[in-house]
Protein backbone atom coordinates (compact mmCIF):
# COMPACT_ATOMS: atom_id res chain seq x y z
CA UNK A 1 0.00 0.00 0.00
CA UNK A 2 1.30 3.45 -0.88
CA UNK A 3 2.30 5.61 2.10
CA UNK A 4 0.10 8.48 0.89
CA UNK A 5 -2.92 6.16 0.89
CA UNK A 6 -2.78 5.41 4.61
CA UNK A 7 -1.83 8.83 5.98
CA UNK A 8 1.79 7.90 6.66
CA UNK A 9 4.73 10.12 5.84
CA UNK A 10 8.24 8.65 5.93
CA UNK A 11 11.20 9.78 7.99
CA UNK A 12 13.17 12.58 6.34
CA UNK A 13 16.86 13.31 6.66
CA UNK A 14 17.89 16.75 7.80
CA UNK A 15 21.13 18.43 6.79
CA UNK A 16 23.39 16.16 8.86
CA UNK A 17 27.19 16.18 8.68
CA UNK A 18 28.93 13.35 6.86
CA UNK A 19 30.95 11.00 9.05
CA UNK A 20 34.63 11.77 9.45
CA UNK A 21 36.68 9.54 7.12
CA UNK A 22 38.96 7.45 9.37
CA UNK A 23 42.59 8.49 8.78
CA UNK A 24 43.92 4.93 8.54
CA UNK A 25 41.17 3.88 6.12
CA UNK A 26 41.98 6.90 3.95
CA UNK A 27 45.70 6.09 4.02
CA UNK A 28 45.00 2.48 3.02
CA UNK A 29 42.59 3.52 0.26
CA UNK A 30 39.69 1.71 1.93
CA UNK A 31 36.19 2.54 0.71
CA UNK A 32 32.73 1.08 1.15
CA UNK A 33 29.10 1.56 2.02
CA UNK A 34 27.70 0.83 5.47
CA UNK A 35 23.97 0.14 5.68
CA UNK A 36 22.53 1.18 9.03
CA UNK A 37 19.16 0.28 10.51
CA UNK A 38 18.03 3.26 12.58
CA UNK A 39 15.09 3.68 14.94
CA UNK A 40 14.06 7.32 14.61
CA UNK A 41 11.98 8.54 17.55
CA UNK A 42 8.93 10.77 17.32
CA UNK A 43 11.31 13.56 18.44
CA UNK A 44 13.57 12.95 15.42
CA UNK A 45 16.50 11.36 17.26
CA UNK A 46 18.31 8.11 16.50
CA UNK A 47 17.32 5.92 19.45
CA UNK A 48 18.93 2.73 18.15
CA UNK A 49 21.52 2.34 15.39
CA UNK A 50 22.52 -1.11 14.11
CA UNK A 51 24.67 -2.32 11.25
CA UNK A 52 22.39 -3.92 8.66
CA UNK A 53 25.23 -4.36 6.19
CA UNK A 54 28.94 -3.89 6.85
CA UNK A 55 31.29 -2.06 4.52
CA UNK A 56 33.81 -4.78 5.23
CA UNK A 57 36.04 -2.23 7.00
CA UNK A 58 35.59 -1.97 10.77
CA UNK A 59 36.78 1.63 11.02
CA UNK A 60 34.30 2.77 8.36
CA UNK A 61 31.45 0.91 10.07
CA UNK A 62 32.33 2.50 13.42
CA UNK A 63 32.63 6.00 11.93
CA UNK A 64 29.17 5.63 10.37
CA UNK A 65 27.66 4.44 13.66
CA UNK A 66 29.20 7.34 15.59
CA UNK A 67 27.96 9.94 13.11
CA UNK A 68 24.42 8.67 12.61
CA UNK A 69 23.84 8.36 16.38
CA UNK A 70 24.18 12.20 16.47
CA UNK A 71 22.01 12.89 13.41
CA UNK A 72 18.57 14.47 13.63
CA UNK A 73 15.59 13.60 11.46
CA UNK A 74 12.11 14.77 10.65
CA UNK A 75 10.14 11.91 12.21
CA UNK A 76 7.64 9.75 10.38
CA UNK A 77 4.05 10.90 10.63
CA UNK A 78 0.95 8.77 10.88
CA UNK A 79 -2.47 10.37 10.99
CA UNK A 80 -0.90 13.79 11.51
CA UNK A 81 1.14 12.69 14.54
CA UNK A 82 4.89 12.10 14.74
CA UNK A 83 5.77 8.48 15.35
CA UNK A 84 8.85 6.32 15.77
CA UNK A 85 9.96 4.36 12.71
CA UNK A 86 12.82 2.14 11.55
CA UNK A 87 14.72 3.30 8.46
CA UNK A 88 17.65 1.95 6.45
CA UNK A 89 20.38 4.50 5.81
CA UNK A 90 23.31 3.87 3.48
CA UNK A 91 26.51 5.71 4.46
CA UNK A 92 29.05 5.75 1.64
CA UNK A 93 32.75 6.26 2.13
CA UNK A 94 34.41 7.09 -1.17
CA UNK A 95 37.83 8.58 -1.76
CA UNK A 96 38.11 11.29 -4.38
CA UNK A 97 40.89 11.31 -6.95
PDB file of N, CA and C in Angstrom:
ATOM      1  N   UNK A   1       0.849  -1.180   0.000  1.00  0.00           N
ATOM      2  CA  UNK A   1       0.000   0.000   0.000  1.00  0.00           C
ATOM      3  C   UNK A   1       0.895   1.243   0.000  1.00  0.00           C
ATOM      4  N   UNK A   2       0.538   2.218  -0.783  1.00  0.00           N
ATOM      5  CA  UNK A   2       1.301   3.452  -0.879  1.00  0.00           C
ATOM      6  C   UNK A   2       1.198   4.232   0.430  1.00  0.00           C
ATOM      7  N   UNK A   3       2.305   4.868   0.839  1.00  0.00           N
ATOM      8  CA  UNK A   3       2.301   5.608   2.103  1.00  0.00           C
ATOM      9  C   UNK A   3       1.282   6.738   2.096  1.00  0.00           C
ATOM     10  N   UNK A   4       1.060   7.389   0.956  1.00  0.00           N
ATOM     11  CA  UNK A   4       0.097   8.479   0.887  1.00  0.00           C
ATOM     12  C   UNK A   4      -1.323   7.972   1.108  1.00  0.00           C
ATOM     13  N   UNK A   5      -1.577   6.713   0.769  1.00  0.00           N
ATOM     14  CA  UNK A   5      -2.916   6.156   0.895  1.00  0.00           C
ATOM     15  C   UNK A   5      -3.340   5.928   2.341  1.00  0.00           C
ATOM     16  N   UNK A   6      -2.384   5.714   3.232  1.00  0.00           N
ATOM     17  CA  UNK A   6      -2.779   5.412   4.608  1.00  0.00           C
ATOM     18  C   UNK A   6      -2.396   6.510   5.596  1.00  0.00           C
ATOM     19  N   UNK A   7      -2.112   7.703   5.103  1.00  0.00           N
ATOM     20  CA  UNK A   7      -1.834   8.827   5.976  1.00  0.00           C
ATOM     21  C   UNK A   7      -0.465   8.799   6.611  1.00  0.00           C
ATOM     22  N   UNK A   8       0.442   7.977   6.103  1.00  0.00           N
ATOM     23  CA  UNK A   8       1.786   7.900   6.663  1.00  0.00           C
ATOM     24  C   UNK A   8       2.757   8.724   5.832  1.00  0.00           C
ATOM     25  N   UNK A   9       3.649   9.415   6.506  1.00  0.00           N
ATOM     26  CA  UNK A   9       4.733  10.124   5.837  1.00  0.00           C
ATOM     27  C   UNK A   9       6.039   9.552   6.369  1.00  0.00           C
ATOM     28  N   UNK A  10       7.000   9.281   5.493  1.00  0.00           N
ATOM     29  CA  UNK A  10       8.240   8.646   5.932  1.00  0.00           C
ATOM     30  C   UNK A  10       9.152   9.604   6.694  1.00  0.00           C
ATOM     31  N   UNK A  11      10.144   9.016   7.333  1.00  0.00           N
ATOM     32  CA  UNK A  11      11.200   9.779   7.995  1.00  0.00           C
ATOM     33  C   UNK A  11      11.952  10.571   6.935  1.00  0.00           C
ATOM     34  N   UNK A  12      12.366  11.783   7.270  1.00  0.00           N
ATOM     35  CA  UNK A  12      13.165  12.581   6.338  1.00  0.00           C
ATOM     36  C   UNK A  12      14.495  12.937   6.994  1.00  0.00           C
ATOM     37  N   UNK A  13      15.548  12.921   6.182  1.00  0.00           N
ATOM     38  CA  UNK A  13      16.864  13.313   6.665  1.00  0.00           C
ATOM     39  C   UNK A  13      16.917  14.837   6.760  1.00  0.00           C
ATOM     40  N   UNK A  14      17.603  15.328   7.739  1.00  0.00           N
ATOM     41  CA  UNK A  14      17.889  16.752   7.803  1.00  0.00           C
ATOM     42  C   UNK A  14      19.292  16.952   7.240  1.00  0.00           C
ATOM     43  N   UNK A  15      19.807  18.146   7.331  1.00  0.00           N
ATOM     44  CA  UNK A  15      21.134  18.430   6.787  1.00  0.00           C
ATOM     45  C   UNK A  15      22.191  18.009   7.809  1.00  0.00           C
ATOM     46  N   UNK A  16      22.467  16.716   7.868  1.00  0.00           N
ATOM     47  CA  UNK A  16      23.392  16.165   8.856  1.00  0.00           C
ATOM     48  C   UNK A  16      24.800  16.080   8.288  1.00  0.00           C
ATOM     49  N   UNK A  17      25.803  16.249   9.156  1.00  0.00           N
ATOM     50  CA  UNK A  17      27.192  16.181   8.676  1.00  0.00           C
ATOM     51  C   UNK A  17      27.598  14.756   8.302  1.00  0.00           C
ATOM     52  N   UNK A  18      28.387  14.657   7.259  1.00  0.00           N
ATOM     53  CA  UNK A  18      28.926  13.351   6.855  1.00  0.00           C
ATOM     54  C   UNK A  18      29.875  12.849   7.938  1.00  0.00           C
ATOM     55  N   UNK A  19      29.997  11.541   8.075  1.00  0.00           N
ATOM     56  CA  UNK A  19      30.952  11.004   9.050  1.00  0.00           C
ATOM     57  C   UNK A  19      32.379  11.396   8.683  1.00  0.00           C
ATOM     58  N   UNK A  20      33.210  11.523   9.694  1.00  0.00           N
ATOM     59  CA  UNK A  20      34.634  11.766   9.446  1.00  0.00           C
ATOM     60  C   UNK A  20      35.233  10.504   8.822  1.00  0.00           C
ATOM     61  N   UNK A  21      36.030  10.685   7.782  1.00  0.00           N
ATOM     62  CA  UNK A  21      36.675   9.537   7.124  1.00  0.00           C
ATOM     63  C   UNK A  21      37.846   9.119   8.010  1.00  0.00           C
ATOM     64  N   UNK A  22      37.868   7.885   8.499  1.00  0.00           N
ATOM     65  CA  UNK A  22      38.961   7.452   9.369  1.00  0.00           C
ATOM     66  C   UNK A  22      40.322   7.606   8.662  1.00  0.00           C
ATOM     67  N   UNK A  23      41.269   8.199   9.355  1.00  0.00           N
ATOM     68  CA  UNK A  23      42.586   8.487   8.776  1.00  0.00           C
ATOM     69  C   UNK A  23      43.274   7.239   8.215  1.00  0.00           C
ATOM     70  N   UNK A  24      43.259   6.161   8.979  1.00  0.00           N
ATOM     71  CA  UNK A  24      43.922   4.930   8.541  1.00  0.00           C
ATOM     72  C   UNK A  24      43.244   4.337   7.303  1.00  0.00           C
ATOM     73  N   UNK A  25      41.909   4.384   7.278  1.00  0.00           N
ATOM     74  CA  UNK A  25      41.171   3.879   6.120  1.00  0.00           C
ATOM     75  C   UNK A  25      41.505   4.715   4.881  1.00  0.00           C
ATOM     76  N   UNK A  26      41.613   6.013   5.062  1.00  0.00           N
ATOM     77  CA  UNK A  26      41.976   6.895   3.948  1.00  0.00           C
ATOM     78  C   UNK A  26      43.377   6.557   3.445  1.00  0.00           C
ATOM     79  N   UNK A  27      44.315   6.390   4.383  1.00  0.00           N
ATOM     80  CA  UNK A  27      45.698   6.086   4.019  1.00  0.00           C
ATOM     81  C   UNK A  27      45.799   4.767   3.254  1.00  0.00           C
ATOM     82  N   UNK A  28      44.981   3.792   3.657  1.00  0.00           N
ATOM     83  CA  UNK A  28      45.005   2.477   3.021  1.00  0.00           C
ATOM     84  C   UNK A  28      44.127   2.410   1.764  1.00  0.00           C
ATOM     85  N   UNK A  29      43.439   3.504   1.448  1.00  0.00           N
ATOM     86  CA  UNK A  29      42.590   3.523   0.265  1.00  0.00           C
ATOM     87  C   UNK A  29      41.319   2.709   0.422  1.00  0.00           C
ATOM     88  N   UNK A  30      40.879   2.527   1.673  1.00  0.00           N
ATOM     89  CA  UNK A  30      39.688   1.710   1.927  1.00  0.00           C
ATOM     90  C   UNK A  30      38.418   2.527   1.697  1.00  0.00           C
ATOM     91  N   UNK A  31      37.463   1.909   1.008  1.00  0.00           N
ATOM     92  CA  UNK A  31      36.185   2.538   0.706  1.00  0.00           C
ATOM     93  C   UNK A  31      35.075   1.525   0.967  1.00  0.00           C
ATOM     94  N   UNK A  32      33.854   2.001   1.008  1.00  0.00           N
ATOM     95  CA  UNK A  32      32.733   1.080   1.149  1.00  0.00           C
ATOM     96  C   UNK A  32      31.476   1.790   1.568  1.00  0.00           C
ATOM     97  N   UNK A  33      30.395   1.030   1.590  1.00  0.00           N
ATOM     98  CA  UNK A  33      29.099   1.556   2.019  1.00  0.00           C
ATOM     99  C   UNK A  33      28.607   0.736   3.202  1.00  0.00           C
ATOM    100  N   UNK A  34      28.253   1.437   4.271  1.00  0.00           N
ATOM    101  CA  UNK A  34      27.699   0.827   5.473  1.00  0.00           C
ATOM    102  C   UNK A  34      26.185   1.044   5.412  1.00  0.00           C
ATOM    103  N   UNK A  35      25.414  -0.006   5.609  1.00  0.00           N
ATOM    104  CA  UNK A  35      23.966   0.140   5.681  1.00  0.00           C
ATOM    105  C   UNK A  35      23.568   0.052   7.149  1.00  0.00           C
ATOM    106  N   UNK A  36      22.931   1.117   7.631  1.00  0.00           N
ATOM    107  CA  UNK A  36      22.530   1.181   9.028  1.00  0.00           C
ATOM    108  C   UNK A  36      21.017   1.100   9.156  1.00  0.00           C
ATOM    109  N   UNK A  37      20.587   0.362  10.155  1.00  0.00           N
ATOM    110  CA  UNK A  37      19.159   0.277  10.508  1.00  0.00           C
ATOM    111  C   UNK A  37      18.980   1.181  11.724  1.00  0.00           C
ATOM    112  N   UNK A  38      18.135   2.209  11.569  1.00  0.00           N
ATOM    113  CA  UNK A  38      18.027   3.256  12.579  1.00  0.00           C
ATOM    114  C   UNK A  38      16.584   3.398  13.044  1.00  0.00           C
ATOM    115  N   UNK A  39      16.401   3.394  14.369  1.00  0.00           N
ATOM    116  CA  UNK A  39      15.091   3.681  14.943  1.00  0.00           C
ATOM    117  C   UNK A  39      15.036   5.175  15.220  1.00  0.00           C
ATOM    118  N   UNK A  40      14.226   5.874  14.440  1.00  0.00           N
ATOM    119  CA  UNK A  40      14.065   7.318  14.608  1.00  0.00           C
ATOM    120  C   UNK A  40      12.850   7.555  15.496  1.00  0.00           C
ATOM    121  N   UNK A  41      13.063   8.274  16.597  1.00  0.00           N
ATOM    122  CA  UNK A  41      11.980   8.536  17.545  1.00  0.00           C
ATOM    123  C   UNK A  41      11.018   9.584  17.002  1.00  0.00           C
ATOM    124  N   UNK A  42       9.911   9.745  17.686  1.00  0.00           N
ATOM    125  CA  UNK A  42       8.932  10.774  17.322  1.00  0.00           C
ATOM    126  C   UNK A  42       9.532  12.173  17.490  1.00  0.00           C
ATOM    127  N   UNK A  43      10.620  12.275  18.250  1.00  0.00           N
ATOM    128  CA  UNK A  43      11.309  13.556  18.436  1.00  0.00           C
ATOM    129  C   UNK A  43      12.386  13.783  17.373  1.00  0.00           C
ATOM    130  N   UNK A  44      12.601  12.791  16.497  1.00  0.00           N
ATOM    131  CA  UNK A  44      13.575  12.951  15.425  1.00  0.00           C
ATOM    132  C   UNK A  44      14.997  12.576  15.786  1.00  0.00           C
ATOM    133  N   UNK A  45      15.166  11.805  16.843  1.00  0.00           N
ATOM    134  CA  UNK A  45      16.501  11.364  17.255  1.00  0.00           C
ATOM    135  C   UNK A  45      16.708   9.889  16.912  1.00  0.00           C
ATOM    136  N   UNK A  46      17.961   9.512  16.767  1.00  0.00           N
ATOM    137  CA  UNK A  46      18.311   8.114  16.502  1.00  0.00           C
ATOM    138  C   UNK A  46      18.397   7.382  17.838  1.00  0.00           C
ATOM    139  N   UNK A  47      17.368   6.612  18.161  1.00  0.00           N
ATOM    140  CA  UNK A  47      17.317   5.916  19.450  1.00  0.00           C
ATOM    141  C   UNK A  47      18.130   4.635  19.430  1.00  0.00           C
ATOM    142  N   UNK A  48      18.197   3.988  18.277  1.00  0.00           N
ATOM    143  CA  UNK A  48      18.933   2.732  18.149  1.00  0.00           C
ATOM    144  C   UNK A  48      19.538   2.705  16.753  1.00  0.00           C
ATOM    145  N   UNK A  49      20.817   2.402  16.675  1.00  0.00           N
ATOM    146  CA  UNK A  49      21.516   2.342  15.389  1.00  0.00           C
ATOM    147  C   UNK A  49      22.247   1.012  15.314  1.00  0.00           C
ATOM    148  N   UNK A  50      21.940   0.225  14.278  1.00  0.00           N
ATOM    149  CA  UNK A  50      22.517  -1.107  14.110  1.00  0.00           C
ATOM    150  C   UNK A  50      23.092  -1.237  12.705  1.00  0.00           C
ATOM    151  N   UNK A  51      24.118  -2.054  12.577  1.00  0.00           N
ATOM    152  CA  UNK A  51      24.672  -2.324  11.250  1.00  0.00           C
ATOM    153  C   UNK A  51      23.811  -3.380  10.568  1.00  0.00           C
ATOM    154  N   UNK A  52      23.193  -2.988   9.452  1.00  0.00           N
ATOM    155  CA  UNK A  52      22.390  -3.922   8.660  1.00  0.00           C
ATOM    156  C   UNK A  52      23.250  -4.562   7.583  1.00  0.00           C
ATOM    157  N   UNK A  53      24.306  -3.856   7.194  1.00  0.00           N
ATOM    158  CA  UNK A  53      25.230  -4.359   6.190  1.00  0.00           C
ATOM    159  C   UNK A  53      26.571  -3.677   6.346  1.00  0.00           C
ATOM    160  N   UNK A  54      27.599  -4.444   6.626  1.00  0.00           N
ATOM    161  CA  UNK A  54      28.938  -3.893   6.852  1.00  0.00           C
ATOM    162  C   UNK A  54      29.592  -3.465   5.545  1.00  0.00           C
ATOM    163  N   UNK A  55      30.466  -2.482   5.659  1.00  0.00           N
ATOM    164  CA  UNK A  55      31.286  -2.057   4.518  1.00  0.00           C
ATOM    165  C   UNK A  55      32.420  -3.044   4.283  1.00  0.00           C
ATOM    166  N   UNK A  56      32.669  -3.881   5.286  1.00  0.00           N
ATOM    167  CA  UNK A  56      33.813  -4.779   5.235  1.00  0.00           C
ATOM    168  C   UNK A  56      35.044  -4.180   5.880  1.00  0.00           C
ATOM    169  N   UNK A  57      34.932  -2.931   6.341  1.00  0.00           N
ATOM    170  CA  UNK A  57      36.044  -2.233   6.996  1.00  0.00           C
ATOM    171  C   UNK A  57      35.535  -1.736   8.351  1.00  0.00           C
ATOM    172  N   UNK A  58      36.072  -2.285   9.427  1.00  0.00           N
ATOM    173  CA  UNK A  58      35.586  -1.967  10.770  1.00  0.00           C
ATOM    174  C   UNK A  58      35.609  -0.480  11.064  1.00  0.00           C
ATOM    175  N   UNK A  59      36.686   0.206  10.692  1.00  0.00           N
ATOM    176  CA  UNK A  59      36.781   1.633  11.024  1.00  0.00           C
ATOM    177  C   UNK A  59      35.714   2.455  10.295  1.00  0.00           C
ATOM    178  N   UNK A  60      35.357   2.060   9.080  1.00  0.00           N
ATOM    179  CA  UNK A  60      34.296   2.767   8.355  1.00  0.00           C
ATOM    180  C   UNK A  60      32.945   2.500   9.019  1.00  0.00           C
ATOM    181  N   UNK A  61      32.705   1.254   9.390  1.00  0.00           N
ATOM    182  CA  UNK A  61      31.455   0.908  10.071  1.00  0.00           C
ATOM    183  C   UNK A  61      31.305   1.719  11.359  1.00  0.00           C
ATOM    184  N   UNK A  62      32.386   1.780  12.142  1.00  0.00           N
ATOM    185  CA  UNK A  62      32.334   2.498  13.424  1.00  0.00           C
ATOM    186  C   UNK A  62      32.148   3.993  13.226  1.00  0.00           C
ATOM    187  N   UNK A  63      32.786   4.565  12.215  1.00  0.00           N
ATOM    188  CA  UNK A  63      32.627   5.998  11.934  1.00  0.00           C
ATOM    189  C   UNK A  63      31.180   6.312  11.549  1.00  0.00           C
ATOM    190  N   UNK A  64      30.569   5.441  10.762  1.00  0.00           N
ATOM    191  CA  UNK A  64      29.169   5.633  10.366  1.00  0.00           C
ATOM    192  C   UNK A  64      28.247   5.553  11.586  1.00  0.00           C
ATOM    193  N   UNK A  65      28.472   4.571  12.442  1.00  0.00           N
ATOM    194  CA  UNK A  65      27.660   4.438  13.658  1.00  0.00           C
ATOM    195  C   UNK A  65      27.767   5.691  14.528  1.00  0.00           C
ATOM    196  N   UNK A  66      28.996   6.156  14.752  1.00  0.00           N
ATOM    197  CA  UNK A  66      29.199   7.345  15.592  1.00  0.00           C
ATOM    198  C   UNK A  66      28.466   8.560  15.021  1.00  0.00           C
ATOM    199  N   UNK A  67      28.571   8.760  13.732  1.00  0.00           N
ATOM    200  CA  UNK A  67      27.964   9.940  13.111  1.00  0.00           C
ATOM    201  C   UNK A  67      26.442   9.878  13.154  1.00  0.00           C
ATOM    202  N   UNK A  68      25.875   8.753  12.737  1.00  0.00           N
ATOM    203  CA  UNK A  68      24.417   8.667  12.615  1.00  0.00           C
ATOM    204  C   UNK A  68      23.743   8.716  13.980  1.00  0.00           C
ATOM    205  N   UNK A  69      24.415   8.253  15.022  1.00  0.00           N
ATOM    206  CA  UNK A  69      23.844   8.365  16.379  1.00  0.00           C
ATOM    207  C   UNK A  69      23.591   9.824  16.760  1.00  0.00           C
ATOM    208  N   UNK A  70      24.340  10.762  16.162  1.00  0.00           N
ATOM    209  CA  UNK A  70      24.184  12.197  16.471  1.00  0.00           C
ATOM    210  C   UNK A  70      23.246  12.915  15.497  1.00  0.00           C
ATOM    211  N   UNK A  71      22.863  12.249  14.417  1.00  0.00           N
ATOM    212  CA  UNK A  71      22.012  12.892  13.414  1.00  0.00           C
ATOM    213  C   UNK A  71      20.624  13.178  13.965  1.00  0.00           C
ATOM    214  N   UNK A  72      19.968  14.139  13.322  1.00  0.00           N
ATOM    215  CA  UNK A  72      18.573  14.474  13.632  1.00  0.00           C
ATOM    216  C   UNK A  72      17.739  14.277  12.372  1.00  0.00           C
ATOM    217  N   UNK A  73      16.484  13.931  12.568  1.00  0.00           N
ATOM    218  CA  UNK A  73      15.592  13.602  11.464  1.00  0.00           C
ATOM    219  C   UNK A  73      14.258  14.307  11.647  1.00  0.00           C
ATOM    220  N   UNK A  74      13.522  14.418  10.568  1.00  0.00           N
ATOM    221  CA  UNK A  74      12.111  14.767  10.654  1.00  0.00           C
ATOM    222  C   UNK A  74      11.408  13.425  10.833  1.00  0.00           C
ATOM    223  N   UNK A  75      10.716  13.233  11.939  1.00  0.00           N
ATOM    224  CA  UNK A  75      10.135  11.908  12.207  1.00  0.00           C
ATOM    225  C   UNK A  75       9.030  11.539  11.224  1.00  0.00           C
ATOM    226  N   UNK A  76       8.770  10.245  11.168  1.00  0.00           N
ATOM    227  CA  UNK A  76       7.638   9.751  10.377  1.00  0.00           C
ATOM    228  C   UNK A  76       6.354  10.313  10.977  1.00  0.00           C
ATOM    229  N   UNK A  77       5.343  10.425  10.150  1.00  0.00           N
ATOM    230  CA  UNK A  77       4.054  10.904  10.632  1.00  0.00           C
ATOM    231  C   UNK A  77       2.978   9.898  10.231  1.00  0.00           C
ATOM    232  N   UNK A  78       2.076   9.677  11.139  1.00  0.00           N
ATOM    233  CA  UNK A  78       0.952   8.775  10.879  1.00  0.00           C
ATOM    234  C   UNK A  78      -0.300   9.447  11.428  1.00  0.00           C
ATOM    235  N   UNK A  79      -1.238   9.706  10.552  1.00  0.00           N
ATOM    236  CA  UNK A  79      -2.470  10.367  10.992  1.00  0.00           C
ATOM    237  C   UNK A  79      -2.219  11.755  11.552  1.00  0.00           C
ATOM    238  N   UNK A  80      -1.189  12.440  11.049  1.00  0.00           N
ATOM    239  CA  UNK A  80      -0.896  13.792  11.509  1.00  0.00           C
ATOM    240  C   UNK A  80      -0.029  13.867  12.760  1.00  0.00           C
ATOM    241  N   UNK A  81       0.339  12.716  13.313  1.00  0.00           N
ATOM    242  CA  UNK A  81       1.143  12.690  14.536  1.00  0.00           C
ATOM    243  C   UNK A  81       2.514  12.084  14.257  1.00  0.00           C
ATOM    244  N   UNK A  82       3.540  12.656  14.877  1.00  0.00           N
ATOM    245  CA  UNK A  82       4.890  12.103  14.741  1.00  0.00           C
ATOM    246  C   UNK A  82       4.927  10.730  15.400  1.00  0.00           C
ATOM    247  N   UNK A  83       5.657   9.815  14.776  1.00  0.00           N
ATOM    248  CA  UNK A  83       5.765   8.477  15.352  1.00  0.00           C
ATOM    249  C   UNK A  83       7.153   7.913  15.089  1.00  0.00           C
ATOM    250  N   UNK A  84       7.554   6.990  15.935  1.00  0.00           N
ATOM    251  CA  UNK A  84       8.847   6.323  15.771  1.00  0.00           C
ATOM    252  C   UNK A  84       8.780   5.400  14.557  1.00  0.00           C
ATOM    253  N   UNK A  85       9.917   5.237  13.884  1.00  0.00           N
ATOM    254  CA  UNK A  85       9.962   4.356  12.707  1.00  0.00           C
ATOM    255  C   UNK A  85      11.384   3.885  12.474  1.00  0.00           C
ATOM    256  N   UNK A  86      11.522   2.673  11.952  1.00  0.00           N
ATOM    257  CA  UNK A  86      12.819   2.136  11.546  1.00  0.00           C
ATOM    258  C   UNK A  86      13.084   2.551  10.108  1.00  0.00           C
ATOM    259  N   UNK A  87      14.315   2.965   9.823  1.00  0.00           N
ATOM    260  CA  UNK A  87      14.719   3.302   8.457  1.00  0.00           C
ATOM    261  C   UNK A  87      16.075   2.675   8.166  1.00  0.00           C
ATOM    262  N   UNK A  88      16.338   2.419   6.892  1.00  0.00           N
ATOM    263  CA  UNK A  88      17.651   1.953   6.452  1.00  0.00           C
ATOM    264  C   UNK A  88      18.383   3.132   5.835  1.00  0.00           C
ATOM    265  N   UNK A  89      19.597   3.366   6.291  1.00  0.00           N
ATOM    266  CA  UNK A  89      20.383   4.497   5.810  1.00  0.00           C
ATOM    267  C   UNK A  89      21.718   3.991   5.282  1.00  0.00           C
ATOM    268  N   UNK A  90      21.990   4.210   4.002  1.00  0.00           N
ATOM    269  CA  UNK A  90      23.310   3.866   3.476  1.00  0.00           C
ATOM    270  C   UNK A  90      24.280   5.026   3.740  1.00  0.00           C
ATOM    271  N   UNK A  91      25.462   4.704   4.235  1.00  0.00           N
ATOM    272  CA  UNK A  91      26.509   5.710   4.459  1.00  0.00           C
ATOM    273  C   UNK A  91      27.695   5.283   3.598  1.00  0.00           C
ATOM    274  N   UNK A  92      28.014   6.108   2.619  1.00  0.00           N
ATOM    275  CA  UNK A  92      29.045   5.755   1.641  1.00  0.00           C
ATOM    276  C   UNK A  92      30.352   6.476   1.938  1.00  0.00           C
ATOM    277  N   UNK A  93      31.402   5.718   1.982  1.00  0.00           N
ATOM    278  CA  UNK A  93      32.751   6.262   2.131  1.00  0.00           C
ATOM    279  C   UNK A  93      33.452   6.063   0.798  1.00  0.00           C
ATOM    280  N   UNK A  94      33.759   7.169   0.131  1.00  0.00           N
ATOM    281  CA  UNK A  94      34.406   7.093  -1.170  1.00  0.00           C
ATOM    282  C   UNK A  94      35.510   8.134  -1.248  1.00  0.00           C
ATOM    283  N   UNK A  95      36.694   7.684  -1.604  1.00  0.00           N
ATOM    284  CA  UNK A  95      37.833   8.579  -1.760  1.00  0.00           C
ATOM    285  C   UNK A  95      37.739   9.270  -3.108  1.00  0.00           C
ATOM    286  N   UNK A  96      38.100  10.523  -3.129  1.00  0.00           N
ATOM    287  CA  UNK A  96      38.109  11.294  -4.379  1.00  0.00           C
ATOM    288  C   UNK A  96      39.523  11.260  -4.962  1.00  0.00           C
ATOM    289  N   UNK A  97      39.593  11.281  -6.270  1.00  0.00           N
ATOM    290  CA  UNK A  97      40.894  11.310  -6.946  1.00  0.00           C
ATOM    291  C   UNK A  97      41.502  12.697  -6.889  1.00  0.00           C
TER     292      UNK A  97
END
